[in-house]
Amino acid sequence: TIDQRILDYVPDRKLRYRMVGSTVWCKDWIGNLEDEFTLVPMGPNMTRVERRSEFVAKGWLAPVKQLALWIALKQAHRYASKNWRRLSSETQSTDQTPEALQ
């Protein structure tokens, strides 16, 4: 699990948070980890989600840990993005059923 503190929240626009605690394997390597999601309107019923992550490794061999964290976060974010796209597609399909269009 990852405990996070919300730093900035603008409904329907932006969410930024910082990790304040964790049980993940690399928790002792992380000096700071912040994520920001921004929603960008693209047109009717279309929104682009932008994600920006900032993290800094700490401790002995910090540069090596930084690279390992980058690889781990890249994989975790790719997995999450794939599931978000799947859920979004399912929602769009449901919204296009004749019952939903009435």
C-alpha atoms as a PDB file:
ATOM      1  CA  THR A   1       0.000   0.000   0.000  1.00  0.00           C
ATOM      2  CA  ILE A   2       0.996   3.607  -0.488  1.00  0.00           C
ATOM      3  CA  ASP A   3      -0.225   6.372   1.796  1.00  0.00           C
ATOM      4  CA  GLN A   4      -0.515   9.731   0.060  1.00  0.00           C
ATOM      5  CA  ARG A   5      -1.243  13.324   1.013  1.00  0.00           C
ATOM      6  CA  ILE A   6      -3.194  15.449  -1.433  1.00  0.00           C
ATOM      7  CA  LEU A   7      -1.285  18.644  -2.200  1.00  0.00           C
ATOM      8  CA  ASP A   8      -3.521  20.212  -4.817  1.00  0.00           C
ATOM      9  CA  TYR A   9      -7.006  19.394  -6.027  1.00  0.00           C
ATOM     10  CA  VAL A  10      -9.058  21.268  -8.604  1.00  0.00           C
ATOM     11  CA  PRO A  11     -12.267  19.348  -9.416  1.00  0.00           C
ATOM     12  CA  ASP A  12     -12.399  18.123 -13.020  1.00  0.00           C
ATOM     13  CA  ARG A  13      -8.946  19.630 -13.702  1.00  0.00           C
ATOM     14  CA  LYS A  14      -6.053  18.518 -11.502  1.00  0.00           C
ATOM     15  CA  LEU A  15      -4.936  16.230  -8.676  1.00  0.00           C
ATOM     16  CA  ARG A  16      -1.445  16.313  -7.155  1.00  0.00           C
ATOM     17  CA  TYR A  17      -0.301  14.163  -4.252  1.00  0.00           C
ATOM     18  CA  ARG A  18       2.844  13.063  -2.394  1.00  0.00           C
ATOM     19  CA  MET A  19       3.736   9.695  -0.914  1.00  0.00           C
ATOM     20  CA  VAL A  20       3.966   9.965   2.882  1.00  0.00           C
ATOM     21  CA  GLY A  21       4.308   6.277   3.719  1.00  0.00           C
ATOM     22  CA  SER A  22       4.372   2.885   2.076  1.00  0.00           C
ATOM     23  CA  THR A  23       4.762  -0.855   2.463  1.00  0.00           C
ATOM     24  CA  VAL A  24       6.232  -1.394  -1.044  1.00  0.00           C
ATOM     25  CA  TRP A  25       9.595  -3.095  -1.430  1.00  0.00           C
ATOM     26  CA  CYS A  26      11.442   0.109  -2.365  1.00  0.00           C
ATOM     27  CA  LYS A  27       9.955   2.437   0.277  1.00  0.00           C
ATOM     28  CA  ASP A  28      13.307   3.035   1.973  1.00  0.00           C
ATOM     29  CA  TRP A  29      14.840   4.180  -1.314  1.00  0.00           C
ATOM     30  CA  ILE A  30      12.387   7.018  -1.883  1.00  0.00           C
ATOM     31  CA  GLY A  31      13.222  10.499  -0.667  1.00  0.00           C
ATOM     32  CA  ASN A  32      10.272  12.103  -2.435  1.00  0.00           C
ATOM     33  CA  LEU A  33       7.553  10.859  -4.779  1.00  0.00           C
ATOM     34  CA  GLU A  34       4.864  13.140  -6.200  1.00  0.00           C
ATOM     35  CA  ASP A  35       2.315  12.534  -8.917  1.00  0.00           C
ATOM     36  CA  GLU A  36       0.120  14.996 -10.760  1.00  0.00           C
ATOM     37  CA  PHE A  37      -2.846  14.241 -12.982  1.00  0.00           C
ATOM     38  CA  THR A  38      -4.222  16.942 -15.245  1.00  0.00           C
ATOM     39  CA  LEU A  39      -7.428  16.578 -17.253  1.00  0.00           C
ATOM     40  CA  VAL A  40      -7.325  18.392 -20.596  1.00  0.00           C
ATOM     41  CA  PRO A  41     -10.641  18.800 -22.484  1.00  0.00           C
ATOM     42  CA  MET A  42     -10.218  17.668 -26.102  1.00  0.00           C
ATOM     43  CA  GLY A  43     -13.759  18.160 -27.376  1.00  0.00           C
ATOM     44  CA  PRO A  44     -17.231  16.790 -26.756  1.00  0.00           C
ATOM     45  CA  ASN A  45     -16.985  13.702 -24.542  1.00  0.00           C
ATOM     46  CA  MET A  46     -13.185  13.601 -24.928  1.00  0.00           C
ATOM     47  CA  THR A  47     -10.573  14.278 -22.256  1.00  0.00           C
ATOM     48  CA  ARG A  48      -6.851  13.642 -22.260  1.00  0.00           C
ATOM     49  CA  VAL A  49      -5.332  12.561 -18.957  1.00  0.00           C
ATOM     50  CA  GLU A  50      -1.770  13.755 -18.434  1.00  0.00           C
ATOM     51  CA  ARG A  51       0.340  12.235 -15.677  1.00  0.00           C
ATOM     52  CA  ARG A  52       3.600  13.611 -14.366  1.00  0.00           C
ATOM     53  CA  SER A  53       5.639  11.841 -11.697  1.00  0.00           C
ATOM     54  CA  GLU A  54       8.608  13.262  -9.847  1.00  0.00           C
ATOM     55  CA  PHE A  55      10.730  11.139  -7.576  1.00  0.00           C
ATOM     56  CA  VAL A  56      14.099  11.301  -5.899  1.00  0.00           C
ATOM     57  CA  ALA A  57      16.004   8.350  -4.518  1.00  0.00           C
ATOM     58  CA  LYS A  58      17.853   8.620  -1.225  1.00  0.00           C
ATOM     59  CA  GLY A  59      20.617   6.858   0.605  1.00  0.00           C
ATOM     60  CA  TRP A  60      23.658   4.924  -0.432  1.00  0.00           C
ATOM     61  CA  LEU A  61      23.859   4.321  -4.212  1.00  0.00           C
ATOM     62  CA  ALA A  62      21.065   6.836  -4.832  1.00  0.00           C
ATOM     63  CA  PRO A  63      21.818   7.107  -8.594  1.00  0.00           C
ATOM     64  CA  VAL A  64      21.457   3.335  -9.006  1.00  0.00           C
ATOM     65  CA  LYS A  65      18.280   3.356  -6.916  1.00  0.00           C
ATOM     66  CA  GLN A  66      16.958   6.255  -9.009  1.00  0.00           C
ATOM     67  CA  LEU A  67      17.330   4.161 -12.171  1.00  0.00           C
ATOM     68  CA  ALA A  68      15.685   1.126 -10.541  1.00  0.00           C
ATOM     69  CA  LEU A  69      12.797   3.306  -9.334  1.00  0.00           C
ATOM     70  CA  TRP A  70      12.382   4.785 -12.814  1.00  0.00           C
ATOM     71  CA  ILE A  71      12.100   1.285 -14.307  1.00  0.00           C
ATOM     72  CA  ALA A  72       9.680   0.112 -11.592  1.00  0.00           C
ATOM     73  CA  LEU A  73       7.473   3.211 -11.891  1.00  0.00           C
ATOM     74  CA  LYS A  74       7.471   2.972 -15.684  1.00  0.00           C
ATOM     75  CA  GLN A  75       6.187  -0.608 -15.469  1.00  0.00           C
ATOM     76  CA  ALA A  76       3.586   0.234 -12.791  1.00  0.00           C
ATOM     77  CA  HIS A  77       2.328   3.263 -14.728  1.00  0.00           C
ATOM     78  CA  ARG A  78       2.138   1.287 -17.970  1.00  0.00           C
ATOM     79  CA  TYR A  79       0.039  -1.362 -16.190  1.00  0.00           C
ATOM     80  CA  ALA A  80      -2.267   1.285 -14.673  1.00  0.00           C
ATOM     81  CA  SER A  81      -2.653   3.138 -17.984  1.00  0.00           C
ATOM     82  CA  LYS A  82      -3.565  -0.066 -19.788  1.00  0.00           C
ATOM     83  CA  ASN A  83      -6.305  -0.761 -17.248  1.00  0.00           C
ATOM     84  CA  TRP A  84      -7.587   2.841 -17.382  1.00  0.00           C
ATOM     85  CA  ARG A  85      -7.860   2.604 -21.176  1.00  0.00           C
ATOM     86  CA  ARG A  86      -9.723  -0.703 -20.845  1.00  0.00           C
ATOM     87  CA  LEU A  87     -12.131   0.723 -18.266  1.00  0.00           C
ATOM     88  CA  SER A  88     -12.647   3.847 -20.372  1.00  0.00           C
ATOM     89  CA  SER A  89     -13.422   1.734 -23.454  1.00  0.00           C
ATOM     90  CA  GLU A  90     -15.888  -0.365 -21.468  1.00  0.00           C
ATOM     91  CA  THR A  91     -17.605   2.793 -20.210  1.00  0.00           C
ATOM     92  CA  GLN A  92     -17.783   4.233 -23.731  1.00  0.00           C
ATOM     93  CA  SER A  93     -19.257   0.981 -25.043  1.00  0.00           C
ATOM     94  CA  THR A  94     -21.852   0.970 -22.263  1.00  0.00           C
ATOM     95  CA  ASP A  95     -22.696   4.627 -22.951  1.00  0.00           C
ATOM     96  CA  GLN A  96     -23.358   3.792 -26.620  1.00  0.00           C
ATOM     97  CA  THR A  97     -25.970   1.101 -25.940  1.00  0.00           C
ATOM     98  CA  PRO A  98     -29.526   1.912 -27.081  1.00  0.00           C
ATOM     99  CA  GLU A  99     -30.670   2.023 -23.416  1.00  0.00           C
ATOM    100  CA  ALA A 100     -28.015   4.624 -22.546  1.00  0.00           C
ATOM    101  CA  LEU A 101     -28.862   6.805 -25.553  1.00  0.00           C
ATOM    102  CA  GLN A 102     -32.534   7.176 -24.601  1.00  0.00           C
END
